[in-house]
Amino acid sequence: MSYIAESELIINSRGAVYHLNLRPEELAPIVITVGDPDRVKEVSKHFDKIEVQQQHREFVTHTGTIGTKRISVVSTGIGPDNIDIVLNELDALTNIDFHTRTIKKELSGLTIIRVGTSGSLQEDIPVDSFVVTTHALGIDNLMNYYRQDNNEEEQAILGQFIMHTQLDSQFSKPYLNTGGSFVLKNFVDGFYHGITVTCPGFYGPQGRVLRLALRYPDLIDRLSTFTYGNNRITNFEMETSAIYGLGKLLGHQCLSISAIVANRVRKEFSKDGQAAVEKLIEKTLGIITGM
């Protein structure tokens, strides 16, 4: 196998991958990602035991156990660019030998579950509810830097989306990937399901107007009215498409679960988003321990 140069995979003085500051043995096979570094402790407080605590920049990791399940919770910060760092480094910790700097002959798959917040794009999906992403549709450009193929269903949804929204070349080329079927089947009761759109920003890319005029002022209407068969766009945020795209290429089972803190159609915002996130964390951990 080819040697991976020091400039391509940066390993620090304690033998840890650079951004996450983790050694391979410090990562569990089940990984929960959260955007907010302060949310890591809100997940790990439910662990029976915390064995690892590491931090570098906005990347905080706690690894521990609940019963017999070993779980890591990792903060990613905001945006697809950070996900590019986190997913590649999680995979490197799992599938690259840090001593020989070569890819392992036998590859392992992680279960990666994003627990985050999001805005609803459907009137009937209220604030404080939970959405599971069946398909992640990216208008953020990240996955256009990687070689990837879509199956027939993904190609059809993507083609219909481009036709419906009429997004021109001012936007990056949209891309789409499907959630991990093994983990998705465990998250059914108590969740809405649908397509999540990932945006490269919080204001203009999500249709918010403060002082700047928008090139596509009707973008939210275009997104909320899109359908393909039984599929509709339920919500949008800033990480899921990158998680699904990189996870699929690297062979990991990925799922994104969001607490809805805003309904953009009804112009409503949660009165207690923190409480909604705490309920989602508890529900998610309960499902994980039963998987």
Protein backbone atom coordinates (compact mmCIF):
# COMPACT_ATOMS: atom_id res chain seq x y z
CA MET A 1 0.00 0.00 0.00
CA SER A 2 1.15 3.57 -0.70
CA TYR A 3 2.87 5.54 2.04
CA ILE A 4 0.86 8.62 3.11
CA ALA A 5 3.18 11.61 3.47
CA GLU A 6 3.47 13.63 6.66
CA SER A 7 2.07 16.68 4.87
CA GLU A 8 -1.12 14.77 3.91
CA LEU A 9 -1.87 13.06 7.23
CA ILE A 10 -0.61 15.19 10.11
CA ILE A 11 0.10 13.25 13.30
CA ASN A 12 1.15 15.24 16.36
CA SER A 13 3.82 14.51 18.95
CA ARG A 14 1.55 12.28 21.05
CA GLY A 15 0.65 10.14 18.04
CA ALA A 16 -2.76 11.76 17.53
CA VAL A 17 -4.37 12.98 14.32
CA TYR A 18 -3.87 16.73 14.10
CA HIS A 19 -7.27 18.46 14.25
CA LEU A 20 -9.16 16.02 16.47
CA ASN A 21 -6.11 15.32 18.69
CA LEU A 22 -7.16 11.68 18.97
CA ARG A 23 -5.18 8.46 18.87
CA PRO A 24 -6.83 5.45 17.19
CA GLU A 25 -7.49 3.66 20.48
CA GLU A 26 -9.31 6.73 21.82
CA LEU A 27 -12.12 6.50 19.25
CA ALA A 28 -15.17 4.25 19.71
CA PRO A 29 -16.93 2.42 16.85
CA ILE A 30 -20.10 4.47 17.47
CA VAL A 31 -19.61 8.22 17.03
CA ILE A 32 -22.11 10.94 17.83
CA THR A 33 -21.29 14.28 16.23
CA VAL A 34 -22.58 17.60 17.55
CA GLY A 35 -21.88 21.06 16.23
CA ASP A 36 -21.49 22.90 19.54
CA PRO A 37 -18.38 22.00 21.61
CA ASP A 38 -20.41 22.68 24.78
CA ARG A 39 -22.92 20.03 23.72
CA VAL A 40 -20.34 17.25 24.05
CA LYS A 41 -20.65 17.21 27.84
CA GLU A 42 -24.44 17.28 27.51
CA VAL A 43 -24.15 13.91 25.77
CA SER A 44 -21.33 12.40 27.83
CA LYS A 45 -23.07 13.22 31.14
CA HIS A 46 -25.29 10.24 30.30
CA PHE A 47 -22.31 7.87 29.99
CA ASP A 48 -21.72 5.33 32.75
CA LYS A 49 -18.00 6.05 32.43
CA ILE A 50 -15.89 8.61 30.52
CA GLU A 51 -12.45 7.25 29.64
CA VAL A 52 -11.14 9.85 27.17
CA GLN A 53 -11.45 13.65 27.06
CA GLN A 54 -9.54 15.54 24.37
CA GLN A 55 -9.82 18.97 22.77
CA HIS A 56 -8.10 20.90 19.99
CA ARG A 57 -9.65 24.15 18.78
CA GLU A 58 -13.41 23.58 18.36
CA PHE A 59 -12.99 19.81 18.21
CA VAL A 60 -13.89 18.29 21.59
CA THR A 61 -14.13 14.51 22.08
CA HIS A 62 -15.39 12.43 25.00
CA THR A 63 -15.25 8.64 24.72
CA GLY A 64 -16.97 6.39 27.22
CA THR A 65 -19.49 3.65 27.74
CA ILE A 66 -23.18 3.16 28.36
CA GLY A 67 -23.63 -0.42 29.47
CA THR A 68 -21.64 -2.47 26.95
CA LYS A 69 -21.71 0.20 24.22
CA ARG A 70 -18.53 2.22 23.71
CA ILE A 71 -19.40 5.62 22.26
CA SER A 72 -17.46 8.73 21.26
CA VAL A 73 -19.09 12.15 21.02
CA VAL A 74 -17.22 14.66 18.86
CA SER A 75 -17.94 18.34 18.23
CA THR A 76 -17.52 19.41 14.63
CA GLY A 77 -18.16 23.13 14.74
CA ILE A 78 -20.39 24.60 12.03
CA GLY A 79 -20.34 23.94 8.31
CA PRO A 80 -19.38 21.40 5.63
CA ASP A 81 -15.73 22.51 5.65
CA ASN A 82 -15.40 21.34 9.26
CA ILE A 83 -17.13 18.09 8.39
CA ASP A 84 -14.49 17.50 5.71
CA ILE A 85 -11.88 17.58 8.49
CA VAL A 86 -13.84 15.50 11.00
CA LEU A 87 -15.01 12.71 8.69
CA ASN A 88 -11.63 12.26 7.03
CA GLU A 89 -9.85 12.17 10.39
CA LEU A 90 -12.38 9.79 11.95
CA ASP A 91 -11.79 7.46 9.01
CA ALA A 92 -8.02 7.85 9.26
CA LEU A 93 -8.18 6.85 12.93
CA THR A 94 -10.11 3.75 11.93
CA ASN A 95 -8.60 2.65 8.63
CA ILE A 96 -5.02 3.97 8.44
CA ASP A 97 -2.08 2.44 10.30
CA PHE A 98 -0.42 5.44 11.98
CA HIS A 99 2.90 3.59 12.36
CA THR A 100 3.34 2.58 8.72
CA ARG A 101 1.24 5.44 7.29
CA THR A 102 -0.55 3.01 4.99
CA ILE A 103 -4.20 2.06 4.55
CA LYS A 104 -5.10 -1.08 6.46
CA LYS A 105 -5.76 -4.24 4.44
CA GLU A 106 -9.03 -4.83 6.31
CA LEU A 107 -11.25 -1.76 6.57
CA SER A 108 -13.75 -1.06 9.36
CA GLY A 109 -16.96 0.94 9.25
CA LEU A 110 -18.05 3.39 11.90
CA THR A 111 -21.61 4.25 12.90
CA ILE A 112 -21.77 8.06 12.80
CA ILE A 113 -24.88 9.82 14.09
CA ARG A 114 -25.25 13.59 13.94
CA VAL A 115 -27.41 15.05 16.73
CA GLY A 116 -28.06 18.68 15.91
CA THR A 117 -30.54 21.47 15.37
CA SER A 118 -32.31 22.50 12.21
CA GLY A 119 -35.01 24.63 10.66
CA SER A 120 -38.24 23.10 9.36
CA LEU A 121 -39.33 23.84 5.81
CA GLN A 122 -42.81 22.33 6.19
CA GLU A 123 -45.71 23.93 8.01
CA ASP A 124 -46.77 20.64 9.58
CA ILE A 125 -43.35 19.90 11.14
CA PRO A 126 -43.47 21.96 14.35
CA VAL A 127 -40.71 23.38 16.49
CA ASP A 128 -39.37 20.98 19.14
CA SER A 129 -40.10 17.96 16.93
CA PHE A 130 -37.40 15.58 15.60
CA VAL A 131 -36.44 14.94 11.97
CA VAL A 132 -34.41 12.03 10.62
CA THR A 133 -32.69 12.65 7.29
CA THR A 134 -33.39 9.94 4.71
CA HIS A 135 -31.54 11.81 1.94
CA ALA A 136 -29.08 14.69 2.25
CA LEU A 137 -29.05 17.22 -0.58
CA GLY A 138 -26.05 19.53 -0.64
CA ILE A 139 -25.90 22.99 -2.19
CA ASP A 140 -22.61 23.64 -0.41
CA ASN A 141 -20.11 22.35 -3.05
CA LEU A 142 -17.93 20.14 -0.78
CA MET A 143 -18.62 16.78 -2.39
CA ASN A 144 -17.91 18.18 -5.87
CA TYR A 145 -14.22 17.89 -4.91
CA TYR A 146 -14.56 14.10 -4.61
CA ARG A 147 -15.34 11.42 -7.18
CA GLN A 148 -18.70 9.85 -6.44
CA ASP A 149 -21.58 8.07 -8.16
CA ASN A 150 -25.30 8.04 -7.41
CA ASN A 151 -27.78 5.20 -7.69
CA GLU A 152 -30.87 5.55 -9.89
CA GLU A 153 -33.14 6.87 -7.13
CA GLU A 154 -30.58 9.46 -6.05
CA GLN A 155 -30.06 10.58 -9.66
CA ALA A 156 -33.81 10.93 -10.16
CA ILE A 157 -34.32 12.99 -6.99
CA LEU A 158 -31.37 15.20 -7.84
CA GLY A 159 -32.54 15.77 -11.41
CA GLN A 160 -36.05 16.67 -10.25
CA PHE A 161 -34.62 19.04 -7.63
CA ILE A 162 -32.51 20.92 -10.18
CA MET A 163 -35.47 21.19 -12.53
CA HIS A 164 -37.81 22.38 -9.75
CA THR A 165 -35.53 24.97 -8.20
CA GLN A 166 -33.97 26.24 -11.45
CA LEU A 167 -30.77 27.07 -9.60
CA ASP A 168 -28.30 28.41 -12.16
CA SER A 169 -24.51 28.36 -12.36
CA GLN A 170 -24.22 30.98 -9.62
CA PHE A 171 -24.84 28.05 -7.29
CA SER A 172 -22.56 25.05 -6.92
CA LYS A 173 -23.74 21.83 -8.52
CA PRO A 174 -26.18 20.17 -6.08
CA TYR A 175 -25.41 16.64 -4.89
CA LEU A 176 -27.36 14.01 -2.97
CA ASN A 177 -26.66 10.94 -0.83
CA THR A 178 -28.79 8.51 1.18
CA GLY A 179 -28.55 7.79 4.91
CA GLY A 180 -27.15 4.52 6.23
CA SER A 181 -29.91 1.93 6.01
CA PHE A 182 -28.63 -0.16 8.94
CA VAL A 183 -28.87 2.70 11.42
CA LEU A 184 -31.87 4.45 9.80
CA LYS A 185 -34.19 1.51 10.47
CA ASN A 186 -33.77 2.03 14.22
CA PHE A 187 -35.02 5.63 14.14
CA VAL A 188 -38.67 5.43 13.12
CA ASP A 189 -41.15 6.00 15.96
CA GLY A 190 -41.38 9.61 17.10
CA PHE A 191 -39.50 11.05 14.13
CA TYR A 192 -40.42 12.83 10.92
CA HIS A 193 -38.49 11.58 7.87
CA GLY A 194 -37.43 13.44 4.75
CA ILE A 195 -34.79 15.17 2.67
CA THR A 196 -32.45 17.59 4.41
CA VAL A 197 -30.82 20.40 2.41
CA THR A 198 -27.37 21.46 3.56
CA CYS A 199 -26.46 25.12 3.00
CA PRO A 200 -23.02 26.80 3.01
CA GLY A 201 -24.17 29.59 5.35
CA PHE A 202 -26.82 30.65 7.85
CA TYR A 203 -28.10 33.96 6.44
CA GLY A 204 -28.25 34.43 2.67
CA PRO A 205 -27.92 30.70 1.84
CA GLN A 206 -30.91 30.01 4.11
CA GLY A 207 -33.00 32.90 2.80
CA ARG A 208 -32.52 35.27 5.75
CA VAL A 209 -32.53 39.00 5.04
CA LEU A 210 -30.81 41.49 7.33
CA ARG A 211 -29.15 44.25 5.27
CA LEU A 212 -28.25 42.39 2.07
CA ALA A 213 -30.58 41.65 -0.83
CA LEU A 214 -30.84 38.01 -1.94
CA ARG A 215 -30.24 36.67 -5.43
CA TYR A 216 -32.90 34.00 -4.82
CA PRO A 217 -35.49 35.53 -2.45
CA ASP A 218 -37.95 32.70 -3.14
CA LEU A 219 -35.50 29.90 -2.33
CA ILE A 220 -37.41 28.75 0.77
CA ASP A 221 -40.62 28.49 -1.26
CA ARG A 222 -38.82 26.45 -3.91
CA LEU A 223 -37.38 24.10 -1.31
CA SER A 224 -40.58 23.67 0.71
CA THR A 225 -42.65 22.85 -2.39
CA PHE A 226 -40.26 20.22 -3.80
CA THR A 227 -41.49 16.63 -3.89
CA TYR A 228 -40.37 13.41 -5.53
CA GLY A 229 -42.78 10.54 -4.98
CA ASN A 230 -43.22 10.33 -1.22
CA ASN A 231 -40.07 12.37 -0.62
CA ARG A 232 -40.15 16.02 0.37
CA ILE A 233 -37.65 18.47 1.80
CA THR A 234 -38.32 18.59 5.53
CA ASN A 235 -35.54 20.84 6.83
CA PHE A 236 -32.20 22.52 6.19
CA GLU A 237 -28.98 23.01 8.11
CA MET A 238 -25.21 23.13 7.49
CA GLU A 239 -23.54 19.71 7.91
CA THR A 240 -25.61 16.69 6.89
CA SER A 241 -24.84 16.43 3.17
CA ALA A 242 -21.10 16.40 3.89
CA ILE A 243 -21.54 13.67 6.54
CA TYR A 244 -23.61 11.50 4.20
CA GLY A 245 -21.40 12.09 1.18
CA LEU A 246 -18.06 11.41 2.85
CA GLY A 247 -19.51 8.65 5.01
CA LYS A 248 -20.85 6.82 1.98
CA LEU A 249 -17.55 7.05 0.08
CA LEU A 250 -15.55 5.92 3.12
CA GLY A 251 -17.87 3.02 3.97
CA HIS A 252 -19.47 4.26 7.20
CA GLN A 253 -23.11 4.11 8.32
CA CYS A 254 -24.28 7.70 8.81
CA LEU A 255 -27.48 9.25 10.08
CA SER A 256 -28.47 12.83 10.87
CA ILE A 257 -31.13 13.60 13.47
CA SER A 258 -32.28 17.15 14.11
CA ALA A 259 -34.26 18.89 16.80
CA ILE A 260 -36.38 21.48 14.99
CA VAL A 261 -35.74 24.84 16.64
CA ALA A 262 -37.31 27.01 13.92
CA ASN A 263 -40.19 26.68 11.48
CA ARG A 264 -39.30 28.91 8.57
CA VAL A 265 -42.72 28.64 6.93
CA ARG A 266 -44.64 29.63 10.06
CA LYS A 267 -41.89 32.08 11.19
CA GLU A 268 -41.70 30.41 14.61
CA PHE A 269 -38.74 29.74 16.89
CA SER A 270 -38.57 27.30 19.80
CA LYS A 271 -39.22 28.72 23.26
CA ASP A 272 -36.71 26.25 24.73
CA GLY A 273 -34.45 24.75 22.11
CA GLN A 274 -32.05 23.45 24.73
CA ALA A 275 -34.79 21.30 26.25
CA ALA A 276 -35.65 19.90 22.82
CA VAL A 277 -32.01 19.00 22.20
CA GLU A 278 -31.76 17.31 25.61
CA LYS A 279 -34.83 15.18 24.81
CA LEU A 280 -33.29 14.25 21.46
CA ILE A 281 -30.00 13.27 23.10
CA GLU A 282 -31.78 11.04 25.60
CA LYS A 283 -33.94 9.45 22.89
CA THR A 284 -30.95 8.87 20.61
CA LEU A 285 -28.80 7.31 23.32
CA GLY A 286 -31.68 5.04 24.30
CA ILE A 287 -31.96 3.78 20.71
CA ILE A 288 -28.19 3.37 20.34
CA THR A 289 -27.89 1.25 23.47
CA GLY A 290 -30.60 -1.04 22.09
CA MET A 291 -29.05 -1.44 18.63
